[in-house]
Amino acid sequence: MAVGKEIRGKIRSVENTKKITKAMEMVAASKMRKAQDRMRAARPYAEKVLSIAAHLAEANPEYVHPFMKGNPDAKRAGFIVVTTDKGLCGGMNTNLLRAVTNQIQDLQAKGVTVDAVAIGNKGLGFLNRIGARVVASATQLGDTPSLDKLIGPVQVLFDAYAKGELSAVYLCYTRFVNTMKQESMVAPLLPLSAAKMAIDAKANGYTQDWDYLYEPDAQTVIDDLLTRYVEALVYQAVAENMASEQSARMVAMKAATDNAGNVIHELKLVYNKTRQAAITTELSEIVAGAAAV
């Protein structure tokens, strides 16, 4: 029964794997709910900042912030790539990094080089493997992202854009749609457009037009507000990515648990057939021996 013992060992091994994937599925489901609550809690702030930024951009046309100016002569572009620190979340990171690669290749075909900021271990490793210039990174953010850990790395690209060294800055992350669906996003973050911000603000229900009194002056207020706005967009992208990560991991672990159950069922069938064949062989030998006597 050497074959039978080998099959029993495989069955025990798959059963242990099934227990692990089931536990990981339950942990991911718990973390997913918390990540979704955190993501939804950040949305009202981002929407309000968007509405005020859109109104200020239209209400004060005599001053134009560097973030709202294009740099067509620059031959470099910036990428903020938001991925996970851990794996086992299906094809989420793969799909995003494929979209990032396509965008980088399109820019390189036009003679534009790329500076990248990696948020997450998976994106950092990928950018290093393809030879991209990584100017800053943030990893091991944990389950609760902190804006303090994100401001430093992304500020490198914001400062470079304000100096006119970058033609554009792209924000790359996985947007949370629902538990079963997440979308890879490679969206232009800079330059900002007053018209687009106004359209987005109206889409979120902010349609009032206000006039403002600036203290101490319009430039200081607009500079600080637009900086807070782009930082809020980055934080929202990280929150969306974390919610997507837990959802994708829960689905992947559920699929792994179901597949382990199917493998166990198939191995038990093979074991029973092998055992039955051995019993039949022994009976045949006993009958043949009795007949010979």
Protein backbone atom coordinates (compact mmCIF):
# COMPACT_ATOMS: atom_id res chain seq x y z
CA MET A 1 0.00 0.00 0.00
CA ALA A 2 2.91 2.36 -0.67
CA VAL A 3 0.80 4.14 -3.28
CA GLY A 4 -2.11 4.41 -0.83
CA LYS A 5 0.13 5.94 1.86
CA GLU A 6 1.44 8.46 -0.67
CA ILE A 7 -2.10 9.50 -1.63
CA ARG A 8 -3.10 9.82 2.05
CA GLY A 9 -0.10 12.12 2.56
CA LYS A 10 -1.21 14.29 -0.36
CA ILE A 11 -4.73 14.45 1.03
CA ARG A 12 -3.47 15.62 4.44
CA SER A 13 -1.23 18.20 2.77
CA VAL A 14 -4.09 19.66 0.70
CA GLU A 15 -6.39 19.65 3.76
CA ASN A 16 -3.80 21.71 5.68
CA THR A 17 -3.56 24.13 2.75
CA LYS A 18 -7.35 24.39 2.67
CA LYS A 19 -7.42 25.35 6.36
CA ILE A 20 -4.86 28.11 5.72
CA THR A 21 -6.68 29.56 2.71
CA LYS A 22 -10.00 29.45 4.59
CA ALA A 23 -8.48 31.35 7.50
CA MET A 24 -6.94 33.91 5.13
CA GLU A 25 -10.32 34.34 3.41
CA MET A 26 -11.99 35.13 6.74
CA VAL A 27 -9.23 37.57 7.75
CA ALA A 28 -9.45 39.33 4.37
CA ALA A 29 -13.24 39.62 4.70
CA SER A 30 -12.85 41.30 8.09
CA LYS A 31 -10.15 43.68 6.85
CA MET A 32 -12.15 44.42 3.69
CA ARG A 33 -15.06 45.87 5.67
CA LYS A 34 -12.72 48.13 7.64
CA ALA A 35 -10.89 49.22 4.47
CA GLN A 36 -14.18 50.04 2.76
CA ASP A 37 -15.32 52.12 5.75
CA ARG A 38 -12.00 53.99 5.69
CA MET A 39 -12.28 54.58 1.95
CA ARG A 40 -15.86 55.88 2.21
CA ALA A 41 -14.93 58.11 5.15
CA ALA A 42 -12.23 59.82 3.05
CA ARG A 43 -14.53 60.57 0.11
CA PRO A 44 -16.50 63.52 1.62
CA TYR A 45 -13.25 65.37 2.42
CA ALA A 46 -11.87 64.82 -1.08
CA GLU A 47 -15.16 65.93 -2.66
CA LYS A 48 -15.37 69.09 -0.53
CA VAL A 49 -11.77 70.05 -1.27
CA LEU A 50 -12.49 69.45 -4.96
CA SER A 51 -15.50 71.79 -4.93
CA ILE A 52 -13.60 74.60 -3.16
CA ALA A 53 -10.55 74.17 -5.43
CA ALA A 54 -12.76 74.32 -8.52
CA HIS A 55 -14.50 77.50 -7.32
CA LEU A 56 -11.23 79.19 -6.36
CA ALA A 57 -9.62 78.28 -9.68
CA GLU A 58 -12.47 79.94 -11.56
CA ALA A 59 -12.96 82.84 -9.13
CA ASN A 60 -9.33 84.02 -9.23
CA PRO A 61 -8.11 83.85 -12.84
CA GLU A 62 -5.38 86.49 -12.36
CA TYR A 63 -3.26 83.97 -10.42
CA VAL A 64 -2.56 80.55 -11.91
CA HIS A 65 -0.99 77.91 -9.68
CA PRO A 66 1.92 75.91 -11.19
CA PHE A 67 -0.18 72.73 -10.86
CA MET A 68 -2.66 74.22 -13.35
CA LYS A 69 -0.03 75.11 -15.92
CA GLY A 70 1.20 72.70 -18.55
CA ASN A 71 4.90 72.04 -19.17
CA PRO A 72 4.92 71.03 -22.85
CA ASP A 73 8.69 71.47 -23.20
CA ALA A 74 9.53 68.97 -20.45
CA LYS A 75 10.73 65.56 -21.58
CA ARG A 76 10.06 63.72 -18.35
CA ALA A 77 6.86 62.42 -16.79
CA GLY A 78 6.10 61.29 -13.26
CA PHE A 79 4.25 58.16 -12.15
CA ILE A 80 2.80 57.49 -8.70
CA VAL A 81 2.32 53.71 -8.69
CA VAL A 82 0.14 52.41 -5.84
CA THR A 83 0.31 48.64 -5.29
CA THR A 84 0.15 46.23 -2.35
CA ASP A 85 2.91 45.22 0.05
CA LYS A 86 1.79 41.57 0.04
CA GLY A 87 0.68 39.12 -2.62
CA LEU A 88 -2.04 36.45 -2.75
CA CYS A 89 -4.59 38.93 -4.12
CA GLY A 90 -5.22 37.44 -7.55
CA GLY A 91 -4.31 39.41 -10.65
CA MET A 92 -4.88 42.85 -9.12
CA ASN A 93 -1.26 44.02 -9.13
CA THR A 94 -0.53 42.29 -12.44
CA ASN A 95 -3.37 44.09 -14.21
CA LEU A 96 -2.32 47.48 -12.85
CA LEU A 97 1.37 47.03 -13.65
CA ARG A 98 0.48 45.91 -17.17
CA ALA A 99 -1.46 49.15 -17.69
CA VAL A 100 1.45 51.15 -16.22
CA THR A 101 3.89 49.39 -18.56
CA ASN A 102 1.76 50.22 -21.61
CA GLN A 103 1.58 53.91 -20.61
CA ILE A 104 5.33 54.08 -19.98
CA GLN A 105 6.06 52.48 -23.37
CA ASP A 106 3.78 55.00 -25.11
CA LEU A 107 5.63 57.89 -23.46
CA GLN A 108 9.06 56.42 -24.17
CA ALA A 109 8.09 56.08 -27.84
CA LYS A 110 7.60 59.86 -27.82
CA GLY A 111 11.02 60.43 -26.27
CA VAL A 112 9.73 61.05 -22.74
CA THR A 113 11.60 59.54 -19.79
CA VAL A 114 9.88 58.46 -16.59
CA ASP A 115 10.41 59.24 -12.90
CA ALA A 116 8.42 57.00 -10.58
CA VAL A 117 7.28 56.99 -6.97
CA ALA A 118 6.42 53.51 -5.70
CA ILE A 119 3.85 53.04 -2.94
CA GLY A 120 3.89 49.35 -2.01
CA ASN A 121 6.50 46.59 -2.24
CA LYS A 122 5.06 44.98 -5.37
CA GLY A 123 5.25 48.16 -7.41
CA LEU A 124 8.74 48.97 -6.10
CA GLY A 125 10.06 45.57 -7.10
CA PHE A 126 8.45 45.78 -10.53
CA LEU A 127 9.80 49.27 -11.28
CA ASN A 128 13.29 48.18 -10.28
CA ARG A 129 13.07 45.11 -12.53
CA ILE A 130 12.08 47.11 -15.62
CA GLY A 131 14.83 49.67 -14.97
CA ALA A 132 12.58 52.64 -14.23
CA ARG A 133 14.04 55.58 -12.29
CA VAL A 134 12.50 55.36 -8.82
CA VAL A 135 12.96 58.72 -7.09
CA ALA A 136 11.11 57.82 -3.86
CA SER A 137 9.10 55.01 -2.30
CA ALA A 138 6.79 54.23 0.60
CA THR A 139 6.30 50.65 1.77
CA GLN A 140 4.88 48.77 4.75
CA LEU A 141 1.98 51.17 5.23
CA GLY A 142 0.04 48.58 7.21
CA ASP A 143 -3.72 48.29 7.27
CA THR A 144 -4.24 51.97 8.12
CA PRO A 145 -2.53 54.33 5.64
CA SER A 146 -1.11 57.52 7.10
CA LEU A 147 -0.90 60.70 5.05
CA ASP A 148 2.35 61.59 6.82
CA LYS A 149 4.08 58.60 5.20
CA LEU A 150 2.75 59.52 1.74
CA ILE A 151 3.46 63.27 1.61
CA GLY A 152 7.25 62.97 1.51
CA PRO A 153 7.60 60.57 -1.46
CA VAL A 154 4.92 62.19 -3.65
CA GLN A 155 6.17 65.71 -2.85
CA VAL A 156 9.29 64.91 -4.87
CA LEU A 157 7.21 64.70 -8.06
CA PHE A 158 5.03 67.68 -7.12
CA ASP A 159 8.08 69.88 -6.61
CA ALA A 160 9.61 68.72 -9.89
CA TYR A 161 6.37 69.52 -11.73
CA ALA A 162 6.14 72.97 -10.12
CA LYS A 163 9.69 73.67 -11.36
CA GLY A 164 8.66 72.73 -14.92
CA GLU A 165 10.78 69.56 -15.02
CA LEU A 166 7.84 67.18 -15.63
CA SER A 167 5.30 67.32 -18.43
CA ALA A 168 2.67 65.40 -16.45
CA VAL A 169 2.16 63.31 -13.32
CA TYR A 170 0.08 60.13 -13.51
CA LEU A 171 -1.66 58.45 -10.58
CA CYS A 172 -1.83 54.66 -10.97
CA TYR A 173 -3.94 52.58 -8.59
CA THR A 174 -6.74 50.00 -8.45
CA ARG A 175 -10.16 51.60 -8.01
CA PHE A 176 -12.69 49.78 -5.83
CA VAL A 177 -16.01 49.20 -7.64
CA ASN A 178 -17.49 46.40 -5.57
CA THR A 179 -16.38 43.22 -3.86
CA MET A 180 -16.16 41.28 -7.12
CA LYS A 181 -14.84 44.04 -9.38
CA GLN A 182 -11.82 46.34 -9.24
CA GLU A 183 -10.53 48.57 -12.04
CA SER A 184 -6.94 49.44 -12.88
CA MET A 185 -6.59 53.22 -13.20
CA VAL A 186 -3.77 55.17 -14.86
CA ALA A 187 -5.15 58.71 -14.61
CA PRO A 188 -3.39 62.06 -15.16
CA LEU A 189 -3.06 63.88 -11.85
CA LEU A 190 -1.17 66.96 -13.03
CA PRO A 191 -1.73 69.38 -14.68
CA LEU A 192 -5.04 70.20 -13.03
CA SER A 193 -7.79 71.67 -15.17
CA ALA A 194 -10.19 74.25 -13.75
CA ALA A 195 -12.87 73.18 -16.23
CA LYS A 196 -12.49 69.50 -15.34
CA MET A 197 -12.54 70.25 -11.61
CA ALA A 198 -15.73 72.25 -12.09
CA ILE A 199 -17.34 69.37 -13.98
CA ASP A 200 -16.29 66.91 -11.28
CA ALA A 201 -17.61 69.21 -8.56
CA LYS A 202 -20.99 69.49 -10.29
CA ALA A 203 -21.07 65.70 -10.72
CA ASN A 204 -20.66 65.40 -6.94
CA GLY A 205 -23.55 67.80 -6.34
CA TYR A 206 -21.62 71.01 -5.65
CA THR A 207 -23.15 73.61 -7.96
CA GLN A 208 -22.99 76.81 -5.89
CA ASP A 209 -20.88 79.72 -7.07
CA TRP A 210 -19.28 81.69 -4.26
CA ASP A 211 -17.12 84.75 -4.04
CA TYR A 212 -14.24 84.66 -1.57
CA LEU A 213 -12.33 87.01 0.69
CA TYR A 214 -8.72 85.83 0.85
CA GLU A 215 -6.67 86.03 4.02
CA PRO A 216 -3.77 86.72 3.88
CA ASP A 217 -3.88 86.73 0.05
CA ALA A 218 -5.23 84.72 -2.89
CA GLN A 219 -1.88 83.17 -3.83
CA THR A 220 -1.23 81.74 -0.35
CA VAL A 221 -4.73 80.32 -0.06
CA ILE A 222 -4.74 78.76 -3.54
CA ASP A 223 -1.22 77.32 -3.11
CA ASP A 224 -2.14 75.58 0.13
CA LEU A 225 -5.55 74.44 -1.09
CA LEU A 226 -4.34 72.87 -4.34
CA THR A 227 -1.53 71.14 -2.46
CA ARG A 228 -4.08 69.68 -0.02
CA TYR A 229 -6.26 68.71 -2.98
CA VAL A 230 -3.63 66.63 -4.81
CA GLU A 231 -2.55 65.06 -1.50
CA ALA A 232 -6.18 64.11 -0.84
CA LEU A 233 -6.34 62.48 -4.29
CA VAL A 234 -3.24 60.40 -3.50
CA TYR A 235 -4.60 59.37 -0.10
CA GLN A 236 -7.95 58.44 -1.65
CA ALA A 237 -6.13 56.32 -4.26
CA VAL A 238 -4.24 54.47 -1.50
CA ALA A 239 -7.48 53.89 0.44
CA GLU A 240 -9.21 52.61 -2.71
CA ASN A 241 -6.25 50.34 -3.45
CA MET A 242 -6.33 48.84 0.06
CA ALA A 243 -10.05 48.14 -0.18
CA SER A 244 -9.46 46.52 -3.58
CA GLU A 245 -6.57 44.48 -2.14
CA GLN A 246 -8.65 42.93 0.63
CA SER A 247 -11.57 42.24 -1.73
CA ALA A 248 -9.30 40.60 -4.31
CA ARG A 249 -7.54 38.56 -1.60
CA MET A 250 -10.87 37.36 -0.17
CA VAL A 251 -12.06 36.25 -3.61
CA ALA A 252 -8.71 34.61 -4.42
CA MET A 253 -8.60 32.72 -1.12
CA LYS A 254 -12.20 31.56 -1.56
CA ALA A 255 -11.32 30.23 -5.01
CA ALA A 256 -8.23 28.53 -3.56
CA THR A 257 -10.33 26.94 -0.79
CA ASP A 258 -12.88 25.65 -3.31
CA ASN A 259 -10.11 24.27 -5.53
CA ALA A 260 -8.52 22.53 -2.56
CA GLY A 261 -11.87 20.89 -1.80
CA ASN A 262 -12.09 19.64 -5.39
CA VAL A 263 -8.53 18.28 -5.26
CA ILE A 264 -9.28 16.46 -1.98
CA HIS A 265 -12.39 14.92 -3.53
CA GLU A 266 -10.43 13.73 -6.56
CA LEU A 267 -7.60 12.33 -4.41
CA LYS A 268 -10.08 10.42 -2.24
CA LEU A 269 -11.60 8.87 -5.38
CA VAL A 270 -8.14 7.81 -6.56
CA TYR A 271 -7.33 6.46 -3.09
CA ASN A 272 -10.55 4.45 -2.91
CA LYS A 273 -10.01 3.03 -6.38
CA THR A 274 -6.41 2.09 -5.52
CA ARG A 275 -7.50 0.51 -2.25
CA GLN A 276 -10.29 -1.42 -3.96
CA ALA A 277 -7.91 -2.64 -6.65
CA ALA A 278 -5.48 -3.89 -3.99
CA ILE A 279 -8.28 -5.73 -2.15
CA THR A 280 -9.48 -7.28 -5.41
CA THR A 281 -5.94 -8.43 -6.22
CA GLU A 282 -5.54 -10.05 -2.80
CA LEU A 283 -8.89 -11.85 -3.10
CA SER A 284 -7.92 -13.12 -6.54
CA GLU A 285 -4.66 -14.48 -5.18
CA ILE A 286 -6.45 -16.21 -2.28
CA VAL A 287 -9.02 -17.78 -4.62
CA ALA A 288 -6.29 -18.89 -7.03
CA GLY A 289 -4.28 -20.43 -4.16
CA ALA A 290 -7.33 -22.29 -2.83
CA ALA A 291 -8.11 -23.63 -6.28
CA ALA A 292 -4.51 -24.84 -6.71
CA VAL A 293 -4.72 -26.75 -3.39
